[in-house]
């Protein structure tokens, strides 16, 4: 029977969270740099 390596799973989840956070930060920075791409109105879904 295989023993689950919980330490690795935790580290993998933390790395995934960090990657997603960095992607969001980068996307926000790109949106801030190019305001001409948005018309200034808020859109809701």
PDB file of N, CA and C in Angstrom:
ATOM      1  N   UNK A   1       0.836  -1.183   0.000  1.00  0.00           N
ATOM      2  CA  UNK A   1       0.000   0.000   0.000  1.00  0.00           C
ATOM      3  C   UNK A   1       0.885   1.253   0.000  1.00  0.00           C
ATOM      4  N   UNK A   2       0.470   2.249  -0.744  1.00  0.00           N
ATOM      5  CA  UNK A   2       1.255   3.459  -0.900  1.00  0.00           C
ATOM      6  C   UNK A   2       0.882   4.463   0.184  1.00  0.00           C
ATOM      7  N   UNK A   3       1.889   5.035   0.808  1.00  0.00           N
ATOM      8  CA  UNK A   3       1.676   6.048   1.832  1.00  0.00           C
ATOM      9  C   UNK A   3       1.610   7.419   1.156  1.00  0.00           C
ATOM     10  N   UNK A   4       0.605   8.196   1.508  1.00  0.00           N
ATOM     11  CA  UNK A   4       0.430   9.524   0.912  1.00  0.00           C
ATOM     12  C   UNK A   4       1.409  10.497   1.561  1.00  0.00           C
ATOM     13  N   UNK A   5       2.061  11.273   0.735  1.00  0.00           N
ATOM     14  CA  UNK A   5       3.013  12.266   1.210  1.00  0.00           C
ATOM     15  C   UNK A   5       2.270  13.596   1.376  1.00  0.00           C
ATOM     16  N   UNK A   6       1.752  13.815   2.568  1.00  0.00           N
ATOM     17  CA  UNK A   6       0.944  15.006   2.815  1.00  0.00           C
ATOM     18  C   UNK A   6       1.763  16.293   2.723  1.00  0.00           C
ATOM     19  N   UNK A   7       3.023  16.225   3.086  1.00  0.00           N
ATOM     20  CA  UNK A   7       3.889  17.400   2.986  1.00  0.00           C
ATOM     21  C   UNK A   7       4.018  17.863   1.550  1.00  0.00           C
ATOM     22  N   UNK A   8       4.156  16.926   0.638  1.00  0.00           N
ATOM     23  CA  UNK A   8       4.259  17.281  -0.781  1.00  0.00           C
ATOM     24  C   UNK A   8       2.952  17.861  -1.277  1.00  0.00           C
ATOM     25  N   UNK A   9       1.820  17.263  -0.883  1.00  0.00           N
ATOM     26  CA  UNK A   9       0.508  17.763  -1.307  1.00  0.00           C
ATOM     27  C   UNK A   9       0.292  19.196  -0.829  1.00  0.00           C
ATOM     28  N   UNK A  10       0.673  19.471   0.408  1.00  0.00           N
ATOM     29  CA  UNK A  10       0.521  20.821   0.958  1.00  0.00           C
ATOM     30  C   UNK A  10       1.380  21.808   0.171  1.00  0.00           C
ATOM     31  N   UNK A  11       2.625  21.424  -0.092  1.00  0.00           N
ATOM     32  CA  UNK A  11       3.527  22.304  -0.838  1.00  0.00           C
ATOM     33  C   UNK A  11       3.013  22.546  -2.245  1.00  0.00           C
ATOM     34  N   UNK A  12       2.461  21.502  -2.869  1.00  0.00           N
ATOM     35  CA  UNK A  12       1.913  21.636  -4.218  1.00  0.00           C
ATOM     36  C   UNK A  12       0.726  22.606  -4.231  1.00  0.00           C
ATOM     37  N   UNK A  13      -0.143  22.498  -3.238  1.00  0.00           N
ATOM     38  CA  UNK A  13      -1.293  23.398  -3.147  1.00  0.00           C
ATOM     39  C   UNK A  13      -0.848  24.835  -2.914  1.00  0.00           C
ATOM     40  N   UNK A  14       0.147  25.024  -2.043  1.00  0.00           N
ATOM     41  CA  UNK A  14       0.664  26.363  -1.775  1.00  0.00           C
ATOM     42  C   UNK A  14       1.294  26.966  -3.027  1.00  0.00           C
ATOM     43  N   UNK A  15       2.015  26.158  -3.787  1.00  0.00           N
ATOM     44  CA  UNK A  15       2.634  26.651  -5.013  1.00  0.00           C
ATOM     45  C   UNK A  15       1.562  27.035  -6.031  1.00  0.00           C
ATOM     46  N   UNK A  16       0.484  26.260  -6.108  1.00  0.00           N
ATOM     47  CA  UNK A  16      -0.620  26.552  -7.016  1.00  0.00           C
ATOM     48  C   UNK A  16      -1.286  27.874  -6.632  1.00  0.00           C
ATOM     49  N   UNK A  17      -1.516  28.085  -5.337  1.00  0.00           N
ATOM     50  CA  UNK A  17      -2.105  29.340  -4.869  1.00  0.00           C
ATOM     51  C   UNK A  17      -1.209  30.516  -5.217  1.00  0.00           C
ATOM     52  N   UNK A  18       0.095  30.357  -5.005  1.00  0.00           N
ATOM     53  CA  UNK A  18       1.052  31.423  -5.297  1.00  0.00           C
ATOM     54  C   UNK A  18       1.059  31.745  -6.788  1.00  0.00           C
ATOM     55  N   UNK A  19       0.996  30.710  -7.630  1.00  0.00           N
ATOM     56  CA  UNK A  19       0.997  30.916  -9.076  1.00  0.00           C
ATOM     57  C   UNK A  19      -0.250  31.687  -9.503  1.00  0.00           C
ATOM     58  N   UNK A  20      -1.416  31.305  -8.968  1.00  0.00           N
ATOM     59  CA  UNK A  20      -2.654  31.995  -9.313  1.00  0.00           C
ATOM     60  C   UNK A  20      -2.626  33.447  -8.853  1.00  0.00           C
ATOM     61  N   UNK A  21      -2.078  33.684  -7.664  1.00  0.00           N
ATOM     62  CA  UNK A  21      -1.976  35.043  -7.132  1.00  0.00           C
ATOM     63  C   UNK A  21      -1.082  35.901  -8.028  1.00  0.00           C
ATOM     64  N   UNK A  22       0.028  35.335  -8.473  1.00  0.00           N
ATOM     65  CA  UNK A  22       0.938  36.053  -9.370  1.00  0.00           C
ATOM     66  C   UNK A  22       0.258  36.354 -10.707  1.00  0.00           C
ATOM     67  N   UNK A  23      -0.523  35.410 -11.233  1.00  0.00           N
ATOM     68  CA  UNK A  23      -1.232  35.637 -12.492  1.00  0.00           C
ATOM     69  C   UNK A  23      -2.233  36.776 -12.344  1.00  0.00           C
ATOM     70  N   UNK A  24      -2.964  36.807 -11.246  1.00  0.00           N
ATOM     71  CA  UNK A  24      -3.926  37.883 -11.004  1.00  0.00           C
ATOM     72  C   UNK A  24      -3.214  39.220 -10.885  1.00  0.00           C
ATOM     73  N   UNK A  25      -2.089  39.237 -10.180  1.00  0.00           N
ATOM     74  CA  UNK A  25      -1.312  40.463 -10.010  1.00  0.00           C
ATOM     75  C   UNK A  25      -0.813  40.973 -11.359  1.00  0.00           C
ATOM     76  N   UNK A  26      -0.325  40.061 -12.197  1.00  0.00           N
ATOM     77  CA  UNK A  26       0.165  40.431 -13.521  1.00  0.00           C
ATOM     78  C   UNK A  26      -0.978  40.951 -14.393  1.00  0.00           C
ATOM     79  N   UNK A  27      -2.136  40.312 -14.330  1.00  0.00           N
ATOM     80  CA  UNK A  27      -3.285  40.743 -15.123  1.00  0.00           C
ATOM     81  C   UNK A  27      -3.753  42.133 -14.699  1.00  0.00           C
ATOM     82  N   UNK A  28      -3.768  42.390 -13.399  1.00  0.00           N
ATOM     83  CA  UNK A  28      -4.160  43.714 -12.908  1.00  0.00           C
ATOM     84  C   UNK A  28      -3.177  44.766 -13.386  1.00  0.00           C
ATOM     85  N   UNK A  29      -1.891  44.441 -13.362  1.00  0.00           N
ATOM     86  CA  UNK A  29      -0.868  45.384 -13.810  1.00  0.00           C
ATOM     87  C   UNK A  29      -1.033  45.682 -15.298  1.00  0.00           C
ATOM     88  N   UNK A  30      -1.353  44.672 -16.093  1.00  0.00           N
ATOM     89  CA  UNK A  30      -1.556  44.869 -17.527  1.00  0.00           C
ATOM     90  C   UNK A  30      -2.788  45.745 -17.769  1.00  0.00           C
ATOM     91  N   UNK A  31      -3.851  45.534 -17.016  1.00  0.00           N
ATOM     92  CA  UNK A  31      -5.057  46.336 -17.178  1.00  0.00           C
ATOM     93  C   UNK A  31      -4.804  47.780 -16.782  1.00  0.00           C
ATOM     94  N   UNK A  32      -3.985  47.987 -15.772  1.00  0.00           N
ATOM     95  CA  UNK A  32      -3.676  49.340 -15.315  1.00  0.00           C
ATOM     96  C   UNK A  32      -2.834  50.086 -16.347  1.00  0.00           C
ATOM     97  N   UNK A  33      -1.944  49.369 -17.016  1.00  0.00           N
ATOM     98  CA  UNK A  33      -1.059  49.984 -18.006  1.00  0.00           C
ATOM     99  C   UNK A  33      -1.792  50.373 -19.282  1.00  0.00           C
ATOM    100  N   UNK A  34      -2.824  49.627 -19.664  1.00  0.00           N
ATOM    101  CA  UNK A  34      -3.511  49.900 -20.920  1.00  0.00           C
ATOM    102  C   UNK A  34      -4.985  50.262 -20.675  1.00  0.00           C
ATOM    103  N   UNK A  35      -5.239  51.471 -20.202  1.00  0.00           N
ATOM    104  CA  UNK A  35      -6.634  51.864 -19.929  1.00  0.00           C
ATOM    105  C   UNK A  35      -7.458  52.064 -21.194  1.00  0.00           C
ATOM    106  N   UNK A  36      -6.815  52.223 -22.349  1.00  0.00           N
ATOM    107  CA  UNK A  36      -7.563  52.415 -23.590  1.00  0.00           C
ATOM    108  C   UNK A  36      -8.343  51.174 -23.991  1.00  0.00           C
ATOM    109  N   UNK A  37      -7.963  50.023 -23.451  1.00  0.00           N
ATOM    110  CA  UNK A  37      -8.678  48.794 -23.785  1.00  0.00           C
ATOM    111  C   UNK A  37     -10.030  48.716 -23.089  1.00  0.00           C
ATOM    112  N   UNK A  38     -10.213  49.498 -22.027  1.00  0.00           N
ATOM    113  CA  UNK A  38     -11.490  49.512 -21.323  1.00  0.00           C
ATOM    114  C   UNK A  38     -12.122  50.884 -21.492  1.00  0.00           C
ATOM    115  N   UNK A  39     -13.465  50.916 -21.514  1.00  0.00           N
ATOM    116  CA  UNK A  39     -14.154  52.170 -21.730  1.00  0.00           C
ATOM    117  C   UNK A  39     -14.495  52.895 -20.426  1.00  0.00           C
ATOM    118  N   UNK A  40     -14.037  52.405 -19.300  1.00  0.00           N
ATOM    119  CA  UNK A  40     -14.247  53.065 -18.041  1.00  0.00           C
ATOM    120  C   UNK A  40     -15.539  52.680 -17.335  1.00  0.00           C
ATOM    121  N   UNK A  41     -16.360  51.886 -17.982  1.00  0.00           N
ATOM    122  CA  UNK A  41     -17.603  51.463 -17.362  1.00  0.00           C
ATOM    123  C   UNK A  41     -17.398  50.107 -16.695  1.00  0.00           C
ATOM    124  N   UNK A  42     -18.098  49.918 -15.600  1.00  0.00           N
ATOM    125  CA  UNK A  42     -18.042  48.630 -14.927  1.00  0.00           C
ATOM    126  C   UNK A  42     -19.044  47.694 -15.551  1.00  0.00           C
ATOM    127  N   UNK A  43     -18.612  46.479 -15.808  1.00  0.00           N
ATOM    128  CA  UNK A  43     -19.515  45.496 -16.373  1.00  0.00           C
ATOM    129  C   UNK A  43     -19.730  44.402 -15.342  1.00  0.00           C
ATOM    130  N   UNK A  44     -20.956  43.926 -15.249  1.00  0.00           N
ATOM    131  CA  UNK A  44     -21.270  42.851 -14.322  1.00  0.00           C
ATOM    132  C   UNK A  44     -21.758  41.650 -15.089  1.00  0.00           C
ATOM    133  N   UNK A  45     -21.480  40.498 -14.559  1.00  0.00           N
ATOM    134  CA  UNK A  45     -21.905  39.264 -15.220  1.00  0.00           C
ATOM    135  C   UNK A  45     -22.983  38.605 -14.407  1.00  0.00           C
TER     136      UNK A  45
END
